[in-house]
Full PDB file with SEQRES, HELIX, SHEET, SSBOND, CRYST1, ORIGX, SCALE, CONECT and MASTER records, all heavy atoms in Angstrom:
SEQRES   1 A   43  GLY LYS VAL PHE ASN PRO SER ASP THR LYS GLY GLY THR          
SEQRES   2 A   43  LEU ARG PHE ALA ASN SER GLY ASP TRP ASP SER LEU ASP          
SEQRES   3 A   43  PRO ALA ASP THR TYR TYR GLY TYR SER TRP ASN PHE ILE          
SEQRES   4 A   43  ARG ASN TYR GLY                                              
HELIX    1 AA1 GLY A   33  PHE A   38  1                                   6    
HELIX    2 AA2 ILE A   39  ASN A   41  5                                   3    
CRYST1    1.000    1.000    1.000  90.00  90.00  90.00 P 1           1          
ORIGX1      1.000000  0.000000  0.000000        0.00000                         
ORIGX2      0.000000  1.000000  0.000000        0.00000                         
ORIGX3      0.000000  0.000000  1.000000        0.00000                         
SCALE1      1.000000  0.000000  0.000000        0.00000                         
SCALE2      0.000000  1.000000  0.000000        0.00000                         
SCALE3      0.000000  0.000000  1.000000        0.00000                         
ATOM      1  N   GLY A   1      -3.759  34.650  26.906  1.00  0.00           N  
ATOM      2  CA  GLY A   1      -4.278  34.298  25.589  1.00  0.00           C  
ATOM      3  C   GLY A   1      -3.426  33.316  24.824  1.00  0.00           C  
ATOM      4  O   GLY A   1      -3.784  32.919  23.708  1.00  0.00           O  
ATOM      5  N   LYS A   2      -2.293  32.921  25.384  1.00  0.00           N  
ATOM      6  CA  LYS A   2      -1.398  31.958  24.731  1.00  0.00           C  
ATOM      7  C   LYS A   2      -0.527  31.297  25.791  1.00  0.00           C  
ATOM      8  O   LYS A   2      -0.502  31.717  26.949  1.00  0.00           O  
ATOM      9  CB  LYS A   2      -0.526  32.667  23.689  1.00  0.00           C  
ATOM     10  CG  LYS A   2       0.263  33.844  24.212  1.00  0.00           C  
ATOM     11  CD  LYS A   2       0.955  34.590  23.086  1.00  0.00           C  
ATOM     12  CE  LYS A   2       1.665  35.857  23.567  1.00  0.00           C  
ATOM     13  NZ  LYS A   2       0.713  36.872  24.076  1.00  0.00           N  
ATOM     14  N   VAL A   3       0.167  30.262  25.383  1.00  0.00           N  
ATOM     15  CA  VAL A   3       1.048  29.533  26.303  1.00  0.00           C  
ATOM     16  C   VAL A   3       2.433  30.160  26.252  1.00  0.00           C  
ATOM     17  O   VAL A   3       3.019  30.317  25.171  1.00  0.00           O  
ATOM     18  CB  VAL A   3       1.140  28.049  25.913  1.00  0.00           C  
ATOM     19  CG1 VAL A   3       2.064  27.308  26.879  1.00  0.00           C  
ATOM     20  CG2 VAL A   3      -0.240  27.405  25.906  1.00  0.00           C  
ATOM     21  N   PHE A   4       2.960  30.498  27.414  1.00  0.00           N  
ATOM     22  CA  PHE A   4       4.340  30.973  27.473  1.00  0.00           C  
ATOM     23  C   PHE A   4       5.258  29.797  27.787  1.00  0.00           C  
ATOM     24  O   PHE A   4       5.003  29.013  28.692  1.00  0.00           O  
ATOM     25  CB  PHE A   4       4.517  32.059  28.542  1.00  0.00           C  
ATOM     26  CG  PHE A   4       5.956  32.477  28.703  1.00  0.00           C  
ATOM     27  CD1 PHE A   4       6.583  33.220  27.708  1.00  0.00           C  
ATOM     28  CD2 PHE A   4       6.684  32.098  29.813  1.00  0.00           C  
ATOM     29  CE1 PHE A   4       7.919  33.581  27.828  1.00  0.00           C  
ATOM     30  CE2 PHE A   4       8.013  32.465  29.953  1.00  0.00           C  
ATOM     31  CZ  PHE A   4       8.634  33.207  28.949  1.00  0.00           C  
ATOM     32  N   ASN A   5       6.321  29.689  27.010  1.00  0.00           N  
ATOM     33  CA  ASN A   5       7.330  28.646  27.187  1.00  0.00           C  
ATOM     34  C   ASN A   5       6.706  27.245  27.096  1.00  0.00           C  
ATOM     35  O   ASN A   5       6.831  26.435  28.023  1.00  0.00           O  
ATOM     36  CB  ASN A   5       8.051  28.817  28.529  1.00  0.00           C  
ATOM     37  CG  ASN A   5       9.427  28.176  28.532  1.00  0.00           C  
ATOM     38  OD1 ASN A   5       9.931  27.745  27.497  1.00  0.00           O  
ATOM     39  ND2 ASN A   5      10.037  28.100  29.715  1.00  0.00           N  
ATOM     40  N   PRO A   6       6.022  26.938  25.991  1.00  0.00           N  
ATOM     41  CA  PRO A   6       5.362  25.634  25.871  1.00  0.00           C  
ATOM     42  C   PRO A   6       6.360  24.490  25.969  1.00  0.00           C  
ATOM     43  O   PRO A   6       7.495  24.587  25.499  1.00  0.00           O  
ATOM     44  CB  PRO A   6       4.709  25.704  24.487  1.00  0.00           C  
ATOM     45  CG  PRO A   6       5.425  26.782  23.751  1.00  0.00           C  
ATOM     46  CD  PRO A   6       5.873  27.765  24.778  1.00  0.00           C  
ATOM     47  N   SER A   7       5.914  23.407  26.607  1.00  0.00           N  
ATOM     48  CA  SER A   7       6.806  22.279  26.826  1.00  0.00           C  
ATOM     49  C   SER A   7       5.993  21.029  27.132  1.00  0.00           C  
ATOM     50  O   SER A   7       4.896  21.106  27.680  1.00  0.00           O  
ATOM     51  CB  SER A   7       7.756  22.569  27.994  1.00  0.00           C  
ATOM     52  OG  SER A   7       8.541  21.436  28.312  1.00  0.00           O  
ATOM     53  N   ASP A   8       6.545  19.867  26.785  1.00  0.00           N  
ATOM     54  CA  ASP A   8       5.987  18.575  27.168  1.00  0.00           C  
ATOM     55  C   ASP A   8       6.926  17.852  28.135  1.00  0.00           C  
ATOM     56  O   ASP A   8       6.681  16.689  28.479  1.00  0.00           O  
ATOM     57  CB  ASP A   8       5.766  17.699  25.935  1.00  0.00           C  
ATOM     58  CG  ASP A   8       4.686  18.251  25.014  1.00  0.00           C  
ATOM     59  OD1 ASP A   8       3.648  18.695  25.528  1.00  0.00           O  
ATOM     60  OD2 ASP A   8       4.890  18.248  23.782  1.00  0.00           O  
ATOM     61  N   THR A   9       7.970  18.514  28.568  1.00  0.00           N  
ATOM     62  CA  THR A   9       8.972  17.873  29.413  1.00  0.00           C  
ATOM     63  C   THR A   9       8.441  17.659  30.819  1.00  0.00           C  
ATOM     64  O   THR A   9       7.947  18.592  31.459  1.00  0.00           O  
ATOM     65  CB  THR A   9      10.247  18.736  29.479  1.00  0.00           C  
ATOM     66  OG1 THR A   9      10.738  18.939  28.147  1.00  0.00           O  
ATOM     67  CG2 THR A   9      11.323  18.050  30.317  1.00  0.00           C  
ATOM     68  N   LYS A  10       8.570  16.434  31.298  1.00  0.00           N  
ATOM     69  CA  LYS A  10       8.090  16.089  32.624  1.00  0.00           C  
ATOM     70  C   LYS A  10       9.233  16.086  33.634  1.00  0.00           C  
ATOM     71  O   LYS A  10      10.399  15.992  33.280  1.00  0.00           O  
ATOM     72  CB  LYS A  10       7.408  14.718  32.598  1.00  0.00           C  
ATOM     73  CG  LYS A  10       6.165  14.662  31.731  1.00  0.00           C  
ATOM     74  CD  LYS A  10       5.525  13.280  31.766  1.00  0.00           C  
ATOM     75  CE  LYS A  10       4.252  13.253  30.936  1.00  0.00           C  
ATOM     76  NZ  LYS A  10       3.604  11.911  30.971  1.00  0.00           N  
ATOM     77  N   GLY A  11       8.855  16.187  34.922  1.00  0.00           N  
ATOM     78  CA  GLY A  11       9.844  16.096  35.985  1.00  0.00           C  
ATOM     79  C   GLY A  11       9.868  17.334  36.862  1.00  0.00           C  
ATOM     80  O   GLY A  11       9.256  18.363  36.560  1.00  0.00           O  
ATOM     81  N   GLY A  12      10.566  17.217  37.985  1.00  0.00           N  
ATOM     82  CA  GLY A  12      10.746  18.338  38.886  1.00  0.00           C  
ATOM     83  C   GLY A  12       9.595  18.507  39.863  1.00  0.00           C  
ATOM     84  O   GLY A  12       8.606  17.783  39.846  1.00  0.00           O  
ATOM     85  N   THR A  13       9.755  19.515  40.711  1.00  0.00           N  
ATOM     86  CA  THR A  13       8.777  19.823  41.755  1.00  0.00           C  
ATOM     87  C   THR A  13       8.267  21.241  41.581  1.00  0.00           C  
ATOM     88  O   THR A  13       9.071  22.180  41.475  1.00  0.00           O  
ATOM     89  CB  THR A  13       9.398  19.678  43.152  1.00  0.00           C  
ATOM     90  OG1 THR A  13       9.830  18.328  43.343  1.00  0.00           O  
ATOM     91  CG2 THR A  13       8.397  20.046  44.243  1.00  0.00           C  
ATOM     92  N   LEU A  14       6.955  21.409  41.549  1.00  0.00           N  
ATOM     93  CA  LEU A  14       6.340  22.732  41.540  1.00  0.00           C  
ATOM     94  C   LEU A  14       6.123  23.173  42.977  1.00  0.00           C  
ATOM     95  O   LEU A  14       5.581  22.421  43.791  1.00  0.00           O  
ATOM     96  CB  LEU A  14       5.004  22.712  40.798  1.00  0.00           C  
ATOM     97  CG  LEU A  14       5.039  22.792  39.277  1.00  0.00           C  
ATOM     98  CD1 LEU A  14       3.631  22.630  38.724  1.00  0.00           C  
ATOM     99  CD2 LEU A  14       5.641  24.114  38.808  1.00  0.00           C  
ATOM    100  N   ARG A  15       6.491  24.429  43.280  1.00  0.00           N  
ATOM    101  CA  ARG A  15       6.428  24.941  44.651  1.00  0.00           C  
ATOM    102  C   ARG A  15       5.432  26.098  44.727  1.00  0.00           C  
ATOM    103  O   ARG A  15       5.684  27.166  44.199  1.00  0.00           O  
ATOM    104  CB  ARG A  15       7.817  25.393  45.094  1.00  0.00           C  
ATOM    105  CG  ARG A  15       8.887  24.307  44.991  1.00  0.00           C  
ATOM    106  CD  ARG A  15      10.282  24.898  44.977  1.00  0.00           C  
ATOM    107  NE  ARG A  15      10.467  25.833  43.870  1.00  0.00           N  
ATOM    108  CZ  ARG A  15      11.551  26.607  43.719  1.00  0.00           C  
ATOM    109  NH1 ARG A  15      12.542  26.552  44.588  1.00  0.00           N  
ATOM    110  NH2 ARG A  15      11.640  27.435  42.698  1.00  0.00           N  
ATOM    111  N   PHE A  16       4.320  25.844  45.387  1.00  0.00           N  
ATOM    112  CA  PHE A  16       3.273  26.846  45.585  1.00  0.00           C  
ATOM    113  C   PHE A  16       3.336  27.367  47.020  1.00  0.00           C  
ATOM    114  O   PHE A  16       3.811  26.681  47.925  1.00  0.00           O  
ATOM    115  CB  PHE A  16       1.883  26.236  45.382  1.00  0.00           C  
ATOM    116  CG  PHE A  16       1.540  25.848  43.973  1.00  0.00           C  
ATOM    117  CD1 PHE A  16       2.010  24.666  43.418  1.00  0.00           C  
ATOM    118  CD2 PHE A  16       0.697  26.650  43.205  1.00  0.00           C  
ATOM    119  CE1 PHE A  16       1.657  24.285  42.127  1.00  0.00           C  
ATOM    120  CE2 PHE A  16       0.341  26.278  41.920  1.00  0.00           C  
ATOM    121  CZ  PHE A  16       0.824  25.095  41.376  1.00  0.00           C  
ATOM    122  N   ALA A  17       2.778  28.558  47.223  1.00  0.00           N  
ATOM    123  CA  ALA A  17       2.605  29.078  48.580  1.00  0.00           C  
ATOM    124  C   ALA A  17       1.287  29.834  48.666  1.00  0.00           C  
ATOM    125  O   ALA A  17       0.844  30.457  47.706  1.00  0.00           O  
ATOM    126  CB  ALA A  17       3.758  29.991  48.978  1.00  0.00           C  
ATOM    127  N   ASN A  18       0.681  29.763  49.852  1.00  0.00           N  
ATOM    128  CA  ASN A  18      -0.593  30.414  50.143  1.00  0.00           C  
ATOM    129  C   ASN A  18      -0.384  31.314  51.348  1.00  0.00           C  
ATOM    130  O   ASN A  18       0.158  30.873  52.370  1.00  0.00           O  
ATOM    131  CB  ASN A  18      -1.642  29.340  50.453  1.00  0.00           C  
ATOM    132  CG  ASN A  18      -3.051  29.871  50.586  1.00  0.00           C  
ATOM    133  OD1 ASN A  18      -3.253  31.050  50.841  1.00  0.00           O  
ATOM    134  ND2 ASN A  18      -4.035  29.001  50.451  1.00  0.00           N  
ATOM    135  N   SER A  19      -0.815  32.566  51.253  1.00  0.00           N  
ATOM    136  CA  SER A  19      -0.614  33.486  52.373  1.00  0.00           C  
ATOM    137  C   SER A  19      -1.518  33.162  53.559  1.00  0.00           C  
ATOM    138  O   SER A  19      -1.299  33.646  54.664  1.00  0.00           O  
ATOM    139  CB  SER A  19      -0.853  34.937  51.933  1.00  0.00           C  
ATOM    140  OG  SER A  19      -2.218  35.156  51.653  1.00  0.00           O  
ATOM    141  N   GLY A  20      -2.513  32.342  53.328  1.00  0.00           N  
ATOM    142  CA  GLY A  20      -3.386  31.896  54.410  1.00  0.00           C  
ATOM    143  C   GLY A  20      -3.480  30.390  54.416  1.00  0.00           C  
ATOM    144  O   GLY A  20      -2.621  29.686  53.883  1.00  0.00           O  
ATOM    145  N   ASP A  21      -4.541  29.889  55.024  1.00  0.00           N  
ATOM    146  CA  ASP A  21      -4.796  28.459  55.029  1.00  0.00           C  
ATOM    147  C   ASP A  21      -5.854  28.155  53.977  1.00  0.00           C  
ATOM    148  O   ASP A  21      -6.575  29.045  53.528  1.00  0.00           O  
ATOM    149  CB  ASP A  21      -5.282  28.019  56.419  1.00  0.00           C  
ATOM    150  CG  ASP A  21      -5.143  26.527  56.646  1.00  0.00           C  
ATOM    151  OD1 ASP A  21      -4.718  25.810  55.713  1.00  0.00           O  
ATOM    152  OD2 ASP A  21      -5.458  26.074  57.767  1.00  0.00           O  
ATOM    153  N   TRP A  22      -5.955  26.910  53.568  1.00  0.00           N  
ATOM    154  CA  TRP A  22      -6.989  26.455  52.647  1.00  0.00           C  
ATOM    155  C   TRP A  22      -8.317  26.436  53.392  1.00  0.00           C  
ATOM    156  O   TRP A  22      -8.359  26.095  54.578  1.00  0.00           O  
ATOM    157  CB  TRP A  22      -6.649  25.046  52.179  1.00  0.00           C  
ATOM    158  CG  TRP A  22      -6.898  24.771  50.736  1.00  0.00           C  
ATOM    159  CD1 TRP A  22      -8.040  24.305  50.187  1.00  0.00           C  
ATOM    160  CD2 TRP A  22      -5.963  24.906  49.655  1.00  0.00           C  
ATOM    161  NE1 TRP A  22      -7.888  24.145  48.822  1.00  0.00           N  
ATOM    162  CE2 TRP A  22      -6.626  24.502  48.478  1.00  0.00           C  
ATOM    163  CE3 TRP A  22      -4.647  25.333  49.560  1.00  0.00           C  
ATOM    164  CZ2 TRP A  22      -6.002  24.500  47.223  1.00  0.00           C  
ATOM    165  CZ3 TRP A  22      -4.031  25.334  48.330  1.00  0.00           C  
ATOM    166  CH2 TRP A  22      -4.696  24.933  47.174  1.00  0.00           C  
ATOM    167  N   ASP A  23      -9.418  26.816  52.719  1.00  0.00           N  
ATOM    168  CA  ASP A  23     -10.698  26.657  53.415  1.00  0.00           C  
ATOM    169  C   ASP A  23     -10.933  25.184  53.698  1.00  0.00           C  
ATOM    170  O   ASP A  23     -11.278  24.799  54.811  1.00  0.00           O  
ATOM    171  CB  ASP A  23     -11.860  27.307  52.657  1.00  0.00           C  
ATOM    172  CG  ASP A  23     -12.035  26.849  51.219  1.00  0.00           C  
ATOM    173  OD1 ASP A  23     -11.168  26.113  50.696  1.00  0.00           O  
ATOM    174  OD2 ASP A  23     -13.046  27.243  50.611  1.00  0.00           O  
ATOM    175  N   SER A  24     -10.731  24.324  52.696  1.00  0.00           N  
ATOM    176  CA  SER A  24     -10.743  22.879  52.896  1.00  0.00           C  
ATOM    177  C   SER A  24     -10.290  22.223  51.608  1.00  0.00           C  
ATOM    178  O   SER A  24     -10.617  22.683  50.507  1.00  0.00           O  
ATOM    179  CB  SER A  24     -12.133  22.368  53.276  1.00  0.00           C  
ATOM    180  OG  SER A  24     -12.129  20.949  53.408  1.00  0.00           O  
ATOM    181  N   LEU A  25      -9.573  21.109  51.739  1.00  0.00           N  
ATOM    182  CA  LEU A  25      -9.200  20.308  50.583  1.00  0.00           C  
ATOM    183  C   LEU A  25     -10.303  19.331  50.202  1.00  0.00           C  
ATOM    184  O   LEU A  25     -10.226  18.686  49.157  1.00  0.00           O  
ATOM    185  CB  LEU A  25      -7.896  19.550  50.874  1.00  0.00           C  
ATOM    186  CG  LEU A  25      -6.660  20.442  51.011  1.00  0.00           C  
ATOM    187  CD1 LEU A  25      -5.517  19.662  51.656  1.00  0.00           C  
ATOM    188  CD2 LEU A  25      -6.227  21.000  49.664  1.00  0.00           C  
ATOM    189  N   ASP A  26     -11.323  19.230  51.047  1.00  0.00           N  
ATOM    190  CA  ASP A  26     -12.466  18.363  50.787  1.00  0.00           C  
ATOM    191  C   ASP A  26     -13.298  18.982  49.665  1.00  0.00           C  
ATOM    192  O   ASP A  26     -13.722  20.137  49.771  1.00  0.00           O  
ATOM    193  CB  ASP A  26     -13.305  18.213  52.055  1.00  0.00           C  
ATOM    194  CG  ASP A  26     -14.385  17.143  51.945  1.00  0.00           C  
ATOM    195  OD1 ASP A  26     -15.033  17.042  50.877  1.00  0.00           O  
ATOM    196  OD2 ASP A  26     -14.601  16.431  52.939  1.00  0.00           O  
ATOM    197  N   PRO A  27     -13.581  18.237  48.585  1.00  0.00           N  
ATOM    198  CA  PRO A  27     -14.357  18.814  47.478  1.00  0.00           C  
ATOM    199  C   PRO A  27     -15.736  19.324  47.881  1.00  0.00           C  
ATOM    200  O   PRO A  27     -16.302  20.172  47.183  1.00  0.00           O  
ATOM    201  CB  PRO A  27     -14.476  17.638  46.491  1.00  0.00           C  
ATOM    202  CG  PRO A  27     -13.350  16.732  46.822  1.00  0.00           C  
ATOM    203  CD  PRO A  27     -13.140  16.861  48.297  1.00  0.00           C  
ATOM    204  N   ALA A  28     -16.273  18.832  48.985  1.00  0.00           N  
ATOM    205  CA  ALA A  28     -17.604  19.261  49.421  1.00  0.00           C  
ATOM    206  C   ALA A  28     -17.577  20.579  50.168  1.00  0.00           C  
ATOM    207  O   ALA A  28     -18.633  21.158  50.440  1.00  0.00           O  
ATOM    208  CB  ALA A  28     -18.229  18.189  50.327  1.00  0.00           C  
ATOM    209  N   ASP A  29     -16.392  21.066  50.512  1.00  0.00           N  
ATOM    210  CA  ASP A  29     -16.308  22.147  51.490  1.00  0.00           C  
ATOM    211  C   ASP A  29     -15.335  23.244  51.082  1.00  0.00           C  
ATOM    212  O   ASP A  29     -14.672  23.838  51.927  1.00  0.00           O  
ATOM    213  CB  ASP A  29     -15.888  21.546  52.845  1.00  0.00           C  
ATOM    214  CG  ASP A  29     -16.198  22.449  54.025  1.00  0.00           C  
ATOM    215  OD1 ASP A  29     -17.174  23.217  53.940  1.00  0.00           O  
ATOM    216  OD2 ASP A  29     -15.470  22.379  55.033  1.00  0.00           O  
ATOM    217  N   THR A  30     -15.255  23.534  49.807  1.00  0.00           N  
ATOM    218  CA  THR A  30     -14.301  24.532  49.347  1.00  0.00           C  
ATOM    219  C   THR A  30     -14.964  25.512  48.392  1.00  0.00           C  
ATOM    220  O   THR A  30     -15.786  25.115  47.560  1.00  0.00           O  
ATOM    221  CB  THR A  30     -13.081  23.862  48.680  1.00  0.00           C  
ATOM    222  OG1 THR A  30     -12.118  24.858  48.330  1.00  0.00           O  
ATOM    223  CG2 THR A  30     -13.475  23.071  47.441  1.00  0.00           C  
ATOM    224  N   TYR A  31     -14.584  26.808  48.511  1.00  0.00           N  
ATOM    225  CA  TYR A  31     -15.217  27.817  47.647  1.00  0.00           C  
ATOM    226  C   TYR A  31     -14.271  28.974  47.339  1.00  0.00           C  
ATOM    227  O   TYR A  31     -14.697  30.106  47.197  1.00  0.00           O  
ATOM    228  CB  TYR A  31     -16.495  28.324  48.305  1.00  0.00           C  
ATOM    229  CG  TYR A  31     -17.556  28.814  47.318  1.00  0.00           C  
ATOM    230  CD1 TYR A  31     -17.369  28.783  45.943  1.00  0.00           C  
ATOM    231  CD2 TYR A  31     -18.756  29.309  47.784  1.00  0.00           C  
ATOM    232  CE1 TYR A  31     -18.334  29.225  45.071  1.00  0.00           C  
ATOM    233  CE2 TYR A  31     -19.745  29.764  46.917  1.00  0.00           C  
ATOM    234  CZ  TYR A  31     -19.528  29.713  45.567  1.00  0.00           C  
ATOM    235  OH  TYR A  31     -20.496  30.163  44.703  1.00  0.00           O  
ATOM    236  N   TYR A  32     -12.980  28.688  47.260  1.00  0.00           N  
ATOM    237  CA  TYR A  32     -12.045  29.681  46.763  1.00  0.00           C  
ATOM    238  C   TYR A  32     -11.669  29.343  45.330  1.00  0.00           C  
ATOM    239  O   TYR A  32     -11.497  28.159  44.984  1.00  0.00           O  
ATOM    240  CB  TYR A  32     -10.795  29.756  47.646  1.00  0.00           C  
ATOM    241  CG  TYR A  32     -10.977  30.668  48.833  1.00  0.00           C  
ATOM    242  CD1 TYR A  32     -11.273  30.160  50.094  1.00  0.00           C  
ATOM    243  CD2 TYR A  32     -10.880  32.042  48.688  1.00  0.00           C  
ATOM    244  CE1 TYR A  32     -11.465  31.000  51.181  1.00  0.00           C  
ATOM    245  CE2 TYR A  32     -11.071  32.894  49.762  1.00  0.00           C  
ATOM    246  CZ  TYR A  32     -11.365  32.371  51.006  1.00  0.00           C  
ATOM    247  OH  TYR A  32     -11.564  33.213  52.065  1.00  0.00           O  
ATOM    248  N   GLY A  33     -11.536  30.374  44.489  1.00  0.00           N  
ATOM    249  CA  GLY A  33     -11.238  30.156  43.081  1.00  0.00           C  
ATOM    250  C   GLY A  33      -9.953  29.386  42.875  1.00  0.00           C  
ATOM    251  O   GLY A  33      -9.871  28.497  42.022  1.00  0.00           O  
ATOM    252  N   TYR A  34      -8.922  29.724  43.659  1.00  0.00           N  
ATOM    253  CA  TYR A  34      -7.661  29.018  43.490  1.00  0.00           C  
ATOM    254  C   TYR A  34      -7.805  27.543  43.841  1.00  0.00           C  
ATOM    255  O   TYR A  34      -7.139  26.675  43.273  1.00  0.00           O  
ATOM    256  CB  TYR A  34      -6.546  29.672  44.315  1.00  0.00           C  
ATOM    257  CG  TYR A  34      -6.698  29.586  45.813  1.00  0.00           C  
ATOM    258  CD1 TYR A  34      -6.320  28.438  46.509  1.00  0.00           C  
ATOM    259  CD2 TYR A  34      -7.185  30.645  46.552  1.00  0.00           C  
ATOM    260  CE1 TYR A  34      -6.442  28.347  47.882  1.00  0.00           C  
ATOM    261  CE2 TYR A  34      -7.306  30.570  47.928  1.00  0.00           C  
ATOM    262  CZ  TYR A  34      -6.929  29.417  48.590  1.00  0.00           C  
ATOM    263  OH  TYR A  34      -7.051  29.344  49.956  1.00  0.00           O  
ATOM    264  N   SER A  35      -8.712  27.240  44.792  1.00  0.00           N  
ATOM    265  CA  SER A  35      -8.942  25.852  45.171  1.00  0.00           C  
ATOM    266  C   SER A  35      -9.631  25.088  44.044  1.00  0.00           C  
ATOM    267  O   SER A  35      -9.270  23.947  43.727  1.00  0.00           O  
ATOM    268  CB  SER A  35      -9.783  25.795  46.449  1.00  0.00           C  
ATOM    269  OG  SER A  35     -10.056  24.464  46.824  1.00  0.00           O  
ATOM    270  N   TRP A  36     -10.632  25.718  43.413  1.00  0.00           N  
ATOM    271  CA  TRP A  36     -11.319  25.066  42.298  1.00  0.00           C  
ATOM    272  C   TRP A  36     -10.375  24.871  41.107  1.00  0.00           C  
ATOM    273  O   TRP A  36     -10.504  23.899  40.360  1.00  0.00           O  
ATOM    274  CB  TRP A  36     -12.531  25.897  41.874  1.00  0.00           C  
ATOM    275  CG  TRP A  36     -13.686  25.831  42.828  1.00  0.00           C  
ATOM    276  CD1 TRP A  36     -13.657  25.444  44.136  1.00  0.00           C  
ATOM    277  CD2 TRP A  36     -15.036  26.162  42.542  1.00  0.00           C  
ATOM    278  NE1 TRP A  36     -14.917  25.527  44.679  1.00  0.00           N  
ATOM    279  CE2 TRP A  36     -15.782  25.971  43.726  1.00  0.00           C  
ATOM    280  CE3 TRP A  36     -15.697  26.625  41.413  1.00  0.00           C  
ATOM    281  CZ2 TRP A  36     -17.159  26.208  43.803  1.00  0.00           C  
ATOM    282  CZ3 TRP A  36     -17.064  26.868  41.488  1.00  0.00           C  
ATOM    283  CH2 TRP A  36     -17.788  26.656  42.679  1.00  0.00           C  
ATOM    284  N   ASN A  37      -9.460  25.784  40.924  1.00  0.00           N  
ATOM    285  CA  ASN A  37      -8.446  25.653  39.886  1.00  0.00           C  
ATOM    286  C   ASN A  37      -7.515  24.478  40.216  1.00  0.00           C  
ATOM    287  O   ASN A  37      -7.311  23.569  39.402  1.00  0.00           O  
ATOM    288  CB  ASN A  37      -7.654  26.970  39.813  1.00  0.00           C  
ATOM    289  CG  ASN A  37      -6.599  26.990  38.721  1.00  0.00           C  
ATOM    290  OD1 ASN A  37      -6.424  26.043  37.963  1.00  0.00           O  
ATOM    291  ND2 ASN A  37      -5.876  28.093  38.643  1.00  0.00           N  
ATOM    292  N   PHE A  38      -7.016  24.445  41.437  1.00  0.00           N  
ATOM    293  CA  PHE A  38      -6.017  23.452  41.850  1.00  0.00           C  
ATOM    294  C   PHE A  38      -6.601  22.058  42.020  1.00  0.00           C  
ATOM    295  O   PHE A  38      -5.922  21.054  41.767  1.00  0.00           O  
ATOM    296  CB  PHE A  38      -5.370  23.910  43.161  1.00  0.00           C  
ATOM    297  CG  PHE A  38      -4.222  23.053  43.613  1.00  0.00           C  
ATOM    298  CD1 PHE A  38      -2.935  23.296  43.157  1.00  0.00           C  
ATOM    299  CD2 PHE A  38      -4.424  21.994  44.495  1.00  0.00           C  
ATOM    300  CE1 PHE A  38      -1.870  22.505  43.574  1.00  0.00           C  
ATOM    301  CE2 PHE A  38      -3.375  21.200  44.916  1.00  0.00           C  
ATOM    302  CZ  PHE A  38      -2.090  21.460  44.453  1.00  0.00           C  
ATOM    303  N   ILE A  39      -7.865  21.978  42.459  1.00  0.00           N  
ATOM    304  CA  ILE A  39      -8.455  20.683  42.803  1.00  0.00           C  
ATOM    305  C   ILE A  39      -8.489  19.734  41.606  1.00  0.00           C  
ATOM    306  O   ILE A  39      -8.529  18.505  41.776  1.00  0.00           O  
ATOM    307  CB  ILE A  39      -9.870  20.884  43.391  1.00  0.00           C  
ATOM    308  CG1 ILE A  39     -10.254  19.701  44.293  1.00  0.00           C  
ATOM    309  CG2 ILE A  39     -10.913  21.099  42.288  1.00  0.00           C  
ATOM    310  CD1 ILE A  39     -11.505  19.957  45.123  1.00  0.00           C  
ATOM    311  N   ARG A  40      -8.414  20.266  40.415  1.00  0.00           N  
ATOM    312  CA  ARG A  40      -8.404  19.433  39.213  1.00  0.00           C  
ATOM    313  C   ARG A  40      -7.176  18.535  39.134  1.00  0.00           C  
ATOM    314  O   ARG A  40      -7.141  17.580  38.364  1.00  0.00           O  
ATOM    315  CB  ARG A  40      -8.503  20.307  37.962  1.00  0.00           C  
ATOM    316  CG  ARG A  40      -9.781  21.125  37.876  1.00  0.00           C  
ATOM    317  CD  ARG A  40      -9.778  22.084  36.693  1.00  0.00           C  
ATOM    318  NE  ARG A  40      -8.724  23.075  36.801  1.00  0.00           N  
ATOM    319  CZ  ARG A  40      -8.262  23.795  35.780  1.00  0.00           C  
ATOM    320  NH1 ARG A  40      -8.762  23.621  34.560  1.00  0.00           N  
ATOM    321  NH2 ARG A  40      -7.308  24.678  35.977  1.00  0.00           N  
ATOM    322  N   ASN A  41      -6.163  18.819  39.970  1.00  0.00           N  
ATOM    323  CA  ASN A  41      -4.977  17.970  40.021  1.00  0.00           C  
ATOM    324  C   ASN A  41      -5.224  16.672  40.780  1.00  0.00           C  
ATOM    325  O   ASN A  41      -4.560  15.667  40.506  1.00  0.00           O  
ATOM    326  CB  ASN A  41      -3.809  18.715  40.673  1.00  0.00           C  
ATOM    327  CG  ASN A  41      -3.200  19.752  39.761  1.00  0.00           C  
ATOM    328  OD1 ASN A  41      -2.801  19.440  38.646  1.00  0.00           O  
ATOM    329  ND2 ASN A  41      -3.131  20.995  40.227  1.00  0.00           N  
ATOM    330  N   TYR A  42      -6.148  16.693  41.747  1.00  0.00           N  
ATOM    331  CA  TYR A  42      -6.379  15.465  42.520  1.00  0.00           C  
ATOM    332  C   TYR A  42      -7.816  14.962  42.457  1.00  0.00           C  
ATOM    333  O   TYR A  42      -8.128  13.918  43.031  1.00  0.00           O  
ATOM    334  CB  TYR A  42      -5.916  15.633  43.969  1.00  0.00           C  
ATOM    335  CG  TYR A  42      -6.630  16.673  44.799  1.00  0.00           C  
ATOM    336  CD1 TYR A  42      -7.789  16.361  45.508  1.00  0.00           C  
ATOM    337  CD2 TYR A  42      -6.118  17.967  44.940  1.00  0.00           C  
ATOM    338  CE1 TYR A  42      -8.429  17.302  46.301  1.00  0.00           C  
ATOM    339  CE2 TYR A  42      -6.736  18.914  45.734  1.00  0.00           C  
ATOM    340  CZ  TYR A  42      -7.892  18.574  46.414  1.00  0.00           C  
ATOM    341  OH  TYR A  42      -8.525  19.516  47.208  1.00  0.00           O  
ATOM    342  N   GLY A  43      -8.684  15.689  41.757  1.00  0.00           N  
ATOM    343  CA  GLY A  43     -10.068  15.248  41.659  1.00  0.00           C  
ATOM    344  C   GLY A  43     -10.630  15.439  40.267  1.00  0.00           C  
ATOM    345  O   GLY A  43     -10.316  16.422  39.581  1.00  0.00           O  
TER     346      GLY A  43                                                      
MASTER        0    0    0    2    0    0    0    6  345    1    0    4          
END                                                                             
């Protein structure tokens, strides 16, 4: 319901991990919620 540790500071590397494989990075072929959340970074 709110932002924790709000910041506008840029830089660094975000490190994600997935316990499985992606169904697909292709926008036409994906149906996992985390993929729809993440895909907004490149599409």
